[in-house]
């Protein structure tokens, strides 16, 4: 049985902008981009304004060994509330990659903890990106334990 863990992010109309930003940081290509206008009327695609029909219904972007998934809220259900109840954790290959990802994601956002050595990681930091999403970037301690 194959198991995977993916993060699904919900937005209030700026999902496409957010995922274009994430693509600029991580690279790769979208596996799927669907808008509400692409859905059958009975599944939420009917009678929407132009802005609403162009909201992202589902988008997926491979990142490392996982897939980052996202969607805009559907207008008939209202906006989603953003909180600090989750973070996306990225384990980088090395300090150079950690710096690239951290610096890319923190552009326009805020750094909660700069990348630095901690008791659990040789290099770890936390940030909130410009879309309000929390990220933790670090290196795997086991790789550096004997160095």
N, C-alpha and C. Protein backbone atom coordinates (compact mmCIF):
# COMPACT_ATOMS: atom_id res chain seq x y z
N UNK A 1 0.84 -1.18 0.00
CA UNK A 1 0.00 0.00 0.00
C UNK A 1 0.88 1.24 0.00
N UNK A 2 0.64 2.10 -0.93
CA UNK A 2 1.41 3.35 -1.03
C UNK A 2 0.78 4.41 -0.15
N UNK A 3 1.59 5.09 0.63
CA UNK A 3 1.12 6.17 1.48
C UNK A 3 1.92 7.42 1.18
N UNK A 4 1.23 8.55 1.15
CA UNK A 4 1.95 9.81 0.95
C UNK A 4 1.34 10.87 1.85
N UNK A 5 2.10 11.84 2.16
CA UNK A 5 1.65 12.95 2.97
C UNK A 5 1.80 14.21 2.13
N UNK A 6 0.70 14.89 1.88
CA UNK A 6 0.72 16.10 1.09
C UNK A 6 0.05 17.21 1.87
N UNK A 7 0.43 18.41 1.62
CA UNK A 7 -0.17 19.56 2.28
C UNK A 7 -1.14 20.23 1.31
N UNK A 8 -2.33 20.54 1.83
CA UNK A 8 -3.36 21.19 1.01
C UNK A 8 -3.63 22.57 1.60
N UNK A 9 -3.45 23.58 0.80
CA UNK A 9 -3.62 24.96 1.25
C UNK A 9 -4.88 25.56 0.65
N UNK A 10 -5.65 26.28 1.46
CA UNK A 10 -6.87 26.94 0.98
C UNK A 10 -6.64 28.45 0.98
N UNK A 11 -7.14 29.11 -0.07
CA UNK A 11 -6.98 30.54 -0.23
C UNK A 11 -8.32 31.20 -0.53
N UNK A 12 -8.35 32.52 -0.43
CA UNK A 12 -9.56 33.30 -0.68
C UNK A 12 -9.46 34.11 -1.96
N UNK A 13 -9.08 33.45 -3.05
CA UNK A 13 -9.02 34.13 -4.33
C UNK A 13 -7.63 34.37 -4.87
N UNK A 14 -6.58 34.09 -4.09
CA UNK A 14 -5.23 34.32 -4.58
C UNK A 14 -4.40 33.03 -4.64
N UNK A 15 -5.06 31.90 -4.79
CA UNK A 15 -4.37 30.61 -4.89
C UNK A 15 -3.42 30.57 -6.07
N UNK A 16 -3.88 31.04 -7.22
CA UNK A 16 -3.02 31.01 -8.41
C UNK A 16 -1.76 31.84 -8.19
N UNK A 17 -1.92 33.02 -7.62
CA UNK A 17 -0.76 33.87 -7.33
C UNK A 17 0.20 33.17 -6.37
N UNK A 18 -0.35 32.55 -5.33
CA UNK A 18 0.48 31.85 -4.35
C UNK A 18 1.24 30.69 -5.00
N UNK A 19 0.57 29.90 -5.82
CA UNK A 19 1.22 28.74 -6.43
C UNK A 19 2.23 29.14 -7.50
N UNK A 20 2.02 30.23 -8.18
CA UNK A 20 3.04 30.73 -9.11
C UNK A 20 4.28 31.15 -8.32
N UNK A 21 4.08 31.74 -7.15
CA UNK A 21 5.19 32.10 -6.27
C UNK A 21 5.92 30.85 -5.81
N UNK A 22 5.19 29.83 -5.34
CA UNK A 22 5.82 28.59 -4.87
C UNK A 22 6.58 27.91 -6.01
N UNK A 23 6.02 27.94 -7.19
CA UNK A 23 6.70 27.36 -8.36
C UNK A 23 8.00 28.10 -8.64
N UNK A 24 8.01 29.44 -8.43
CA UNK A 24 9.24 30.21 -8.66
C UNK A 24 10.32 29.85 -7.65
N UNK A 25 9.92 29.42 -6.47
CA UNK A 25 10.88 29.03 -5.43
C UNK A 25 11.37 27.60 -5.64
N UNK A 26 10.44 26.66 -5.87
CA UNK A 26 10.78 25.24 -5.92
C UNK A 26 11.03 24.71 -7.33
N UNK A 27 10.57 25.43 -8.36
CA UNK A 27 10.70 24.93 -9.72
C UNK A 27 9.64 23.88 -10.01
N UNK A 28 9.82 23.16 -11.10
CA UNK A 28 8.88 22.12 -11.47
C UNK A 28 7.71 22.66 -12.29
N UNK A 29 6.78 21.77 -12.56
CA UNK A 29 5.60 22.11 -13.35
C UNK A 29 4.36 21.67 -12.61
N UNK A 30 3.28 22.39 -12.80
CA UNK A 30 2.02 22.00 -12.19
C UNK A 30 1.55 20.69 -12.82
N UNK A 31 1.10 19.77 -11.98
CA UNK A 31 0.54 18.52 -12.49
C UNK A 31 -0.89 18.75 -12.98
N UNK A 32 -1.59 19.66 -12.31
CA UNK A 32 -2.98 19.92 -12.65
C UNK A 32 -3.35 21.33 -12.21
N UNK A 33 -4.10 22.03 -13.04
CA UNK A 33 -4.67 23.32 -12.68
C UNK A 33 -6.12 23.31 -13.17
N UNK A 34 -7.06 23.37 -12.27
CA UNK A 34 -8.47 23.39 -12.63
C UNK A 34 -9.15 24.58 -11.97
N UNK A 35 -10.00 25.24 -12.71
CA UNK A 35 -10.73 26.38 -12.17
C UNK A 35 -12.20 26.01 -12.01
N UNK A 36 -12.92 26.76 -11.19
CA UNK A 36 -14.33 26.45 -10.95
C UNK A 36 -15.14 26.45 -12.24
N UNK A 37 -14.75 27.26 -13.22
CA UNK A 37 -15.48 27.28 -14.49
C UNK A 37 -15.34 25.96 -15.24
N UNK A 38 -14.32 25.15 -14.89
CA UNK A 38 -14.11 23.86 -15.53
C UNK A 38 -15.00 22.77 -14.94
N UNK A 39 -15.63 23.04 -13.81
CA UNK A 39 -16.47 22.04 -13.14
C UNK A 39 -17.88 22.03 -13.71
N UNK A 40 -18.50 20.86 -13.73
CA UNK A 40 -19.91 20.81 -14.14
C UNK A 40 -20.76 21.67 -13.21
N UNK A 41 -21.84 22.21 -13.71
CA UNK A 41 -22.71 23.09 -12.93
C UNK A 41 -23.14 22.44 -11.62
N UNK A 42 -23.49 21.15 -11.65
CA UNK A 42 -23.96 20.47 -10.43
C UNK A 42 -22.86 20.27 -9.40
N UNK A 43 -21.61 20.44 -9.81
CA UNK A 43 -20.48 20.29 -8.89
C UNK A 43 -19.83 21.62 -8.54
N UNK A 44 -20.57 22.72 -8.69
CA UNK A 44 -20.07 24.02 -8.27
C UNK A 44 -19.64 24.94 -9.38
N UNK A 45 -19.74 24.52 -10.63
CA UNK A 45 -19.26 25.36 -11.73
C UNK A 45 -20.32 26.27 -12.33
N UNK A 46 -21.54 26.17 -11.89
CA UNK A 46 -22.61 26.96 -12.50
C UNK A 46 -22.74 28.36 -11.94
N UNK A 47 -23.32 29.24 -12.71
CA UNK A 47 -23.69 30.61 -12.36
C UNK A 47 -22.76 31.32 -11.38
N UNK A 48 -21.54 31.50 -11.79
CA UNK A 48 -20.55 32.24 -11.01
C UNK A 48 -20.16 33.48 -11.78
N UNK A 49 -19.73 34.51 -11.03
CA UNK A 49 -19.21 35.69 -11.71
C UNK A 49 -17.90 35.31 -12.41
N UNK A 50 -17.39 36.20 -13.25
CA UNK A 50 -16.14 35.91 -13.95
C UNK A 50 -15.01 35.71 -12.95
N UNK A 51 -14.94 36.56 -11.93
CA UNK A 51 -13.89 36.43 -10.90
C UNK A 51 -14.01 35.10 -10.18
N UNK A 52 -15.22 34.74 -9.80
CA UNK A 52 -15.43 33.50 -9.07
C UNK A 52 -15.13 32.28 -9.93
N UNK A 53 -15.53 32.32 -11.19
CA UNK A 53 -15.31 31.16 -12.07
C UNK A 53 -13.83 30.96 -12.40
N UNK A 54 -13.01 32.01 -12.24
CA UNK A 54 -11.58 31.89 -12.50
C UNK A 54 -10.77 31.56 -11.25
N UNK A 55 -11.45 31.37 -10.12
CA UNK A 55 -10.74 30.91 -8.93
C UNK A 55 -10.27 29.47 -9.14
N UNK A 56 -9.19 29.13 -8.46
CA UNK A 56 -8.63 27.78 -8.57
C UNK A 56 -9.49 26.79 -7.78
N UNK A 57 -9.95 25.76 -8.48
CA UNK A 57 -10.70 24.68 -7.85
C UNK A 57 -9.72 23.65 -7.27
N UNK A 58 -8.64 23.40 -8.01
CA UNK A 58 -7.61 22.47 -7.54
C UNK A 58 -6.34 22.71 -8.35
N UNK A 59 -5.20 22.68 -7.63
CA UNK A 59 -3.89 22.82 -8.27
C UNK A 59 -2.91 21.93 -7.54
N UNK A 60 -1.95 21.38 -8.26
CA UNK A 60 -0.95 20.52 -7.62
C UNK A 60 0.43 20.81 -8.19
N UNK A 61 1.40 20.87 -7.28
CA UNK A 61 2.79 21.15 -7.65
C UNK A 61 3.71 20.18 -6.92
N UNK A 62 4.40 19.30 -7.65
CA UNK A 62 5.36 18.41 -6.99
C UNK A 62 6.49 19.22 -6.37
N UNK A 63 6.80 18.90 -5.12
CA UNK A 63 7.92 19.52 -4.39
C UNK A 63 8.64 18.40 -3.66
N UNK A 64 9.87 18.13 -4.04
CA UNK A 64 10.66 17.04 -3.47
C UNK A 64 9.89 15.74 -3.63
N UNK A 65 9.65 15.00 -2.55
CA UNK A 65 8.95 13.72 -2.62
C UNK A 65 7.48 13.82 -2.24
N UNK A 66 6.91 15.00 -2.35
CA UNK A 66 5.52 15.21 -1.99
C UNK A 66 4.85 16.10 -3.03
N UNK A 67 3.59 16.39 -2.82
CA UNK A 67 2.87 17.27 -3.72
C UNK A 67 2.18 18.34 -2.90
N UNK A 68 2.41 19.59 -3.27
CA UNK A 68 1.73 20.71 -2.63
C UNK A 68 0.43 20.93 -3.39
N UNK A 69 -0.69 20.88 -2.67
CA UNK A 69 -2.01 20.98 -3.26
C UNK A 69 -2.68 22.26 -2.79
N UNK A 70 -3.57 22.81 -3.61
CA UNK A 70 -4.24 24.03 -3.19
C UNK A 70 -5.55 24.26 -3.90
N UNK A 71 -6.30 25.20 -3.34
CA UNK A 71 -7.61 25.56 -3.86
C UNK A 71 -8.00 26.92 -3.31
N UNK A 72 -8.82 27.64 -4.08
CA UNK A 72 -9.50 28.81 -3.53
C UNK A 72 -10.81 28.34 -2.91
N UNK A 73 -11.29 29.09 -1.94
CA UNK A 73 -12.59 28.77 -1.38
C UNK A 73 -13.65 28.94 -2.46
N UNK A 74 -14.68 28.13 -2.40
CA UNK A 74 -15.79 28.27 -3.35
C UNK A 74 -16.68 29.39 -2.85
N UNK A 75 -17.08 30.30 -3.72
CA UNK A 75 -17.89 31.46 -3.30
C UNK A 75 -19.14 31.11 -2.51
N UNK A 76 -19.79 29.99 -2.80
CA UNK A 76 -21.02 29.66 -2.07
C UNK A 76 -20.75 29.23 -0.62
N UNK A 77 -19.49 28.92 -0.29
CA UNK A 77 -19.14 28.54 1.07
C UNK A 77 -18.46 29.66 1.84
N UNK A 78 -18.15 30.77 1.18
CA UNK A 78 -17.51 31.90 1.85
C UNK A 78 -16.01 31.71 1.99
N UNK A 79 -15.37 32.74 2.52
CA UNK A 79 -13.92 32.74 2.69
C UNK A 79 -13.49 31.77 3.79
N UNK A 80 -12.28 31.29 3.66
CA UNK A 80 -11.69 30.45 4.70
C UNK A 80 -10.90 31.35 5.64
N UNK A 81 -10.84 30.98 6.90
CA UNK A 81 -10.05 31.73 7.88
C UNK A 81 -8.66 31.15 7.98
N UNK A 82 -7.68 32.01 7.99
CA UNK A 82 -6.31 31.56 8.11
C UNK A 82 -5.88 31.68 9.56
N UNK A 83 -5.19 30.66 10.03
CA UNK A 83 -4.69 30.65 11.39
C UNK A 83 -3.28 30.12 11.42
N UNK A 84 -2.78 30.01 12.60
CA UNK A 84 -1.44 29.49 12.77
C UNK A 84 -1.49 28.04 13.22
N UNK A 85 -2.43 27.27 12.70
CA UNK A 85 -2.62 25.89 13.14
C UNK A 85 -1.86 24.87 12.31
N UNK A 86 -1.00 25.29 11.40
CA UNK A 86 -0.19 24.34 10.64
C UNK A 86 1.04 25.03 10.10
N UNK A 87 2.04 24.22 9.80
CA UNK A 87 3.24 24.66 9.11
C UNK A 87 3.60 23.59 8.11
N UNK A 88 4.29 24.00 7.09
CA UNK A 88 4.83 23.04 6.14
C UNK A 88 6.31 22.92 6.45
N UNK A 89 6.74 21.70 6.67
CA UNK A 89 8.12 21.44 7.05
C UNK A 89 8.90 20.90 5.86
N UNK A 90 10.01 21.55 5.55
CA UNK A 90 10.87 21.15 4.44
C UNK A 90 12.24 20.77 5.02
N UNK A 91 12.70 19.56 4.69
CA UNK A 91 14.05 19.15 5.06
C UNK A 91 14.91 19.29 3.81
N UNK A 92 15.86 20.22 3.86
CA UNK A 92 16.71 20.50 2.71
C UNK A 92 17.88 19.53 2.63
N UNK A 93 18.46 19.43 1.44
CA UNK A 93 19.62 18.55 1.21
C UNK A 93 20.88 19.09 1.90
N UNK A 94 21.06 20.42 1.87
CA UNK A 94 22.24 21.03 2.43
C UNK A 94 21.94 22.50 2.77
N UNK A 95 22.92 23.18 3.36
CA UNK A 95 22.72 24.58 3.76
C UNK A 95 22.40 25.48 2.58
N UNK A 96 23.03 25.23 1.44
CA UNK A 96 22.79 26.06 0.26
C UNK A 96 21.32 25.98 -0.17
N UNK A 97 20.80 24.76 -0.21
CA UNK A 97 19.39 24.59 -0.59
C UNK A 97 18.47 25.20 0.48
N UNK A 98 18.81 25.00 1.76
CA UNK A 98 18.01 25.58 2.85
C UNK A 98 17.96 27.10 2.72
N UNK A 99 19.09 27.72 2.46
CA UNK A 99 19.14 29.17 2.29
C UNK A 99 18.29 29.62 1.11
N UNK A 100 18.40 28.92 -0.01
CA UNK A 100 17.64 29.28 -1.22
C UNK A 100 16.13 29.23 -0.94
N UNK A 101 15.69 28.14 -0.35
CA UNK A 101 14.26 27.98 -0.06
C UNK A 101 13.80 29.01 0.98
N UNK A 102 14.57 29.15 2.05
CA UNK A 102 14.21 30.08 3.12
C UNK A 102 14.14 31.51 2.59
N UNK A 103 15.16 31.92 1.85
CA UNK A 103 15.18 33.28 1.32
C UNK A 103 14.07 33.51 0.30
N UNK A 104 13.80 32.50 -0.52
CA UNK A 104 12.73 32.62 -1.50
C UNK A 104 11.37 32.77 -0.84
N UNK A 105 11.08 31.89 0.12
CA UNK A 105 9.78 31.92 0.77
C UNK A 105 9.59 33.12 1.69
N UNK A 106 10.66 33.63 2.26
CA UNK A 106 10.52 34.75 3.20
C UNK A 106 10.38 36.10 2.49
N UNK A 107 10.61 36.14 1.17
CA UNK A 107 10.46 37.39 0.41
C UNK A 107 9.03 37.91 0.56
N UNK A 108 8.90 39.09 1.13
CA UNK A 108 7.58 39.69 1.34
C UNK A 108 6.86 39.17 2.56
N UNK A 109 7.48 38.23 3.26
CA UNK A 109 6.88 37.65 4.47
C UNK A 109 7.61 38.11 5.72
N UNK A 110 7.59 37.26 6.74
CA UNK A 110 8.29 37.62 7.98
C UNK A 110 9.00 36.39 8.54
N UNK A 111 10.19 36.63 9.06
CA UNK A 111 11.01 35.57 9.64
C UNK A 111 10.70 35.46 11.12
N UNK A 112 10.26 34.28 11.55
CA UNK A 112 10.00 34.04 12.97
C UNK A 112 11.26 33.61 13.69
N UNK A 113 12.11 32.86 12.98
CA UNK A 113 13.39 32.37 13.53
C UNK A 113 14.34 32.22 12.36
N UNK A 114 15.44 32.96 12.36
CA UNK A 114 16.38 32.84 11.24
C UNK A 114 17.02 31.44 11.22
N UNK A 115 17.54 31.06 10.06
CA UNK A 115 18.23 29.78 9.96
C UNK A 115 19.46 29.81 10.87
N UNK A 116 19.54 28.80 11.76
CA UNK A 116 20.65 28.71 12.71
C UNK A 116 20.71 27.30 13.29
N UNK A 117 21.80 27.01 13.97
CA UNK A 117 21.96 25.72 14.64
C UNK A 117 21.04 25.70 15.86
N UNK A 118 20.37 24.56 16.04
CA UNK A 118 19.52 24.35 17.21
C UNK A 118 19.92 23.04 17.86
N UNK A 119 19.32 22.71 18.98
CA UNK A 119 19.65 21.43 19.62
C UNK A 119 19.07 20.24 18.86
N UNK A 120 18.12 20.47 17.97
CA UNK A 120 17.52 19.37 17.21
C UNK A 120 17.96 19.35 15.75
N UNK A 121 18.62 20.39 15.29
CA UNK A 121 19.01 20.45 13.89
C UNK A 121 20.27 21.29 13.73
N UNK A 122 21.13 20.89 12.79
CA UNK A 122 22.32 21.71 12.54
C UNK A 122 22.00 23.03 11.85
N UNK A 123 20.76 23.16 11.34
CA UNK A 123 20.39 24.39 10.62
C UNK A 123 18.88 24.38 10.50
N UNK A 124 18.22 25.35 11.12
CA UNK A 124 16.75 25.36 11.17
C UNK A 124 16.24 26.79 11.28
N UNK A 125 15.14 27.06 10.60
CA UNK A 125 14.50 28.37 10.71
C UNK A 125 13.02 28.28 10.43
N UNK A 126 12.28 29.32 10.85
CA UNK A 126 10.84 29.38 10.63
C UNK A 126 10.46 30.73 10.05
N UNK A 127 9.44 30.72 9.20
CA UNK A 127 8.98 31.96 8.59
C UNK A 127 7.50 31.86 8.25
N UNK A 128 6.91 33.02 8.01
CA UNK A 128 5.56 33.11 7.48
C UNK A 128 5.69 33.82 6.14
N UNK A 129 5.22 33.17 5.05
CA UNK A 129 5.36 33.79 3.74
C UNK A 129 4.35 34.91 3.55
N UNK A 130 4.44 35.58 2.43
CA UNK A 130 3.59 36.74 2.19
C UNK A 130 2.12 36.39 2.04
N UNK A 131 1.79 35.10 2.03
CA UNK A 131 0.39 34.67 1.95
C UNK A 131 -0.13 34.18 3.31
N UNK A 132 0.70 34.31 4.36
CA UNK A 132 0.28 33.91 5.69
C UNK A 132 0.49 32.44 6.00
N UNK A 133 1.23 31.72 5.15
CA UNK A 133 1.49 30.30 5.36
C UNK A 133 2.78 30.14 6.14
N UNK A 134 2.73 29.29 7.18
CA UNK A 134 3.90 29.05 8.04
C UNK A 134 4.76 27.93 7.46
N UNK A 135 6.09 28.15 7.47
CA UNK A 135 7.05 27.19 6.94
C UNK A 135 8.15 26.96 7.96
N UNK A 136 8.66 25.73 8.04
CA UNK A 136 9.84 25.37 8.83
C UNK A 136 10.84 24.75 7.86
N UNK A 137 12.04 25.30 7.83
CA UNK A 137 13.08 24.82 6.92
C UNK A 137 14.24 24.33 7.77
N UNK A 138 14.74 23.14 7.48
CA UNK A 138 15.85 22.62 8.28
C UNK A 138 16.63 21.56 7.55
N UNK A 139 17.66 21.08 8.25
CA UNK A 139 18.48 19.97 7.78
C UNK A 139 18.26 18.80 8.71
N UNK A 140 18.38 17.59 8.18
CA UNK A 140 18.21 16.37 8.95
C UNK A 140 19.42 16.19 9.85
N UNK A 141 19.20 16.09 11.15
CA UNK A 141 20.28 15.97 12.12
C UNK A 141 21.09 14.69 11.92
N UNK A 142 20.45 13.59 11.54
CA UNK A 142 21.17 12.32 11.41
C UNK A 142 22.27 12.39 10.34
N UNK A 143 22.07 13.21 9.32
CA UNK A 143 23.06 13.34 8.25
C UNK A 143 24.33 14.02 8.76
N UNK A 144 24.21 14.83 9.79
CA UNK A 144 25.35 15.62 10.27
C UNK A 144 25.88 15.16 11.62
N UNK A 145 25.26 14.12 12.20
CA UNK A 145 25.61 13.70 13.55
C UNK A 145 27.07 13.27 13.66
N UNK A 146 27.63 12.69 12.63
CA UNK A 146 29.01 12.17 12.69
C UNK A 146 30.02 13.07 11.98
N UNK A 147 29.68 14.31 11.75
CA UNK A 147 30.61 15.21 11.04
C UNK A 147 31.23 16.18 12.00
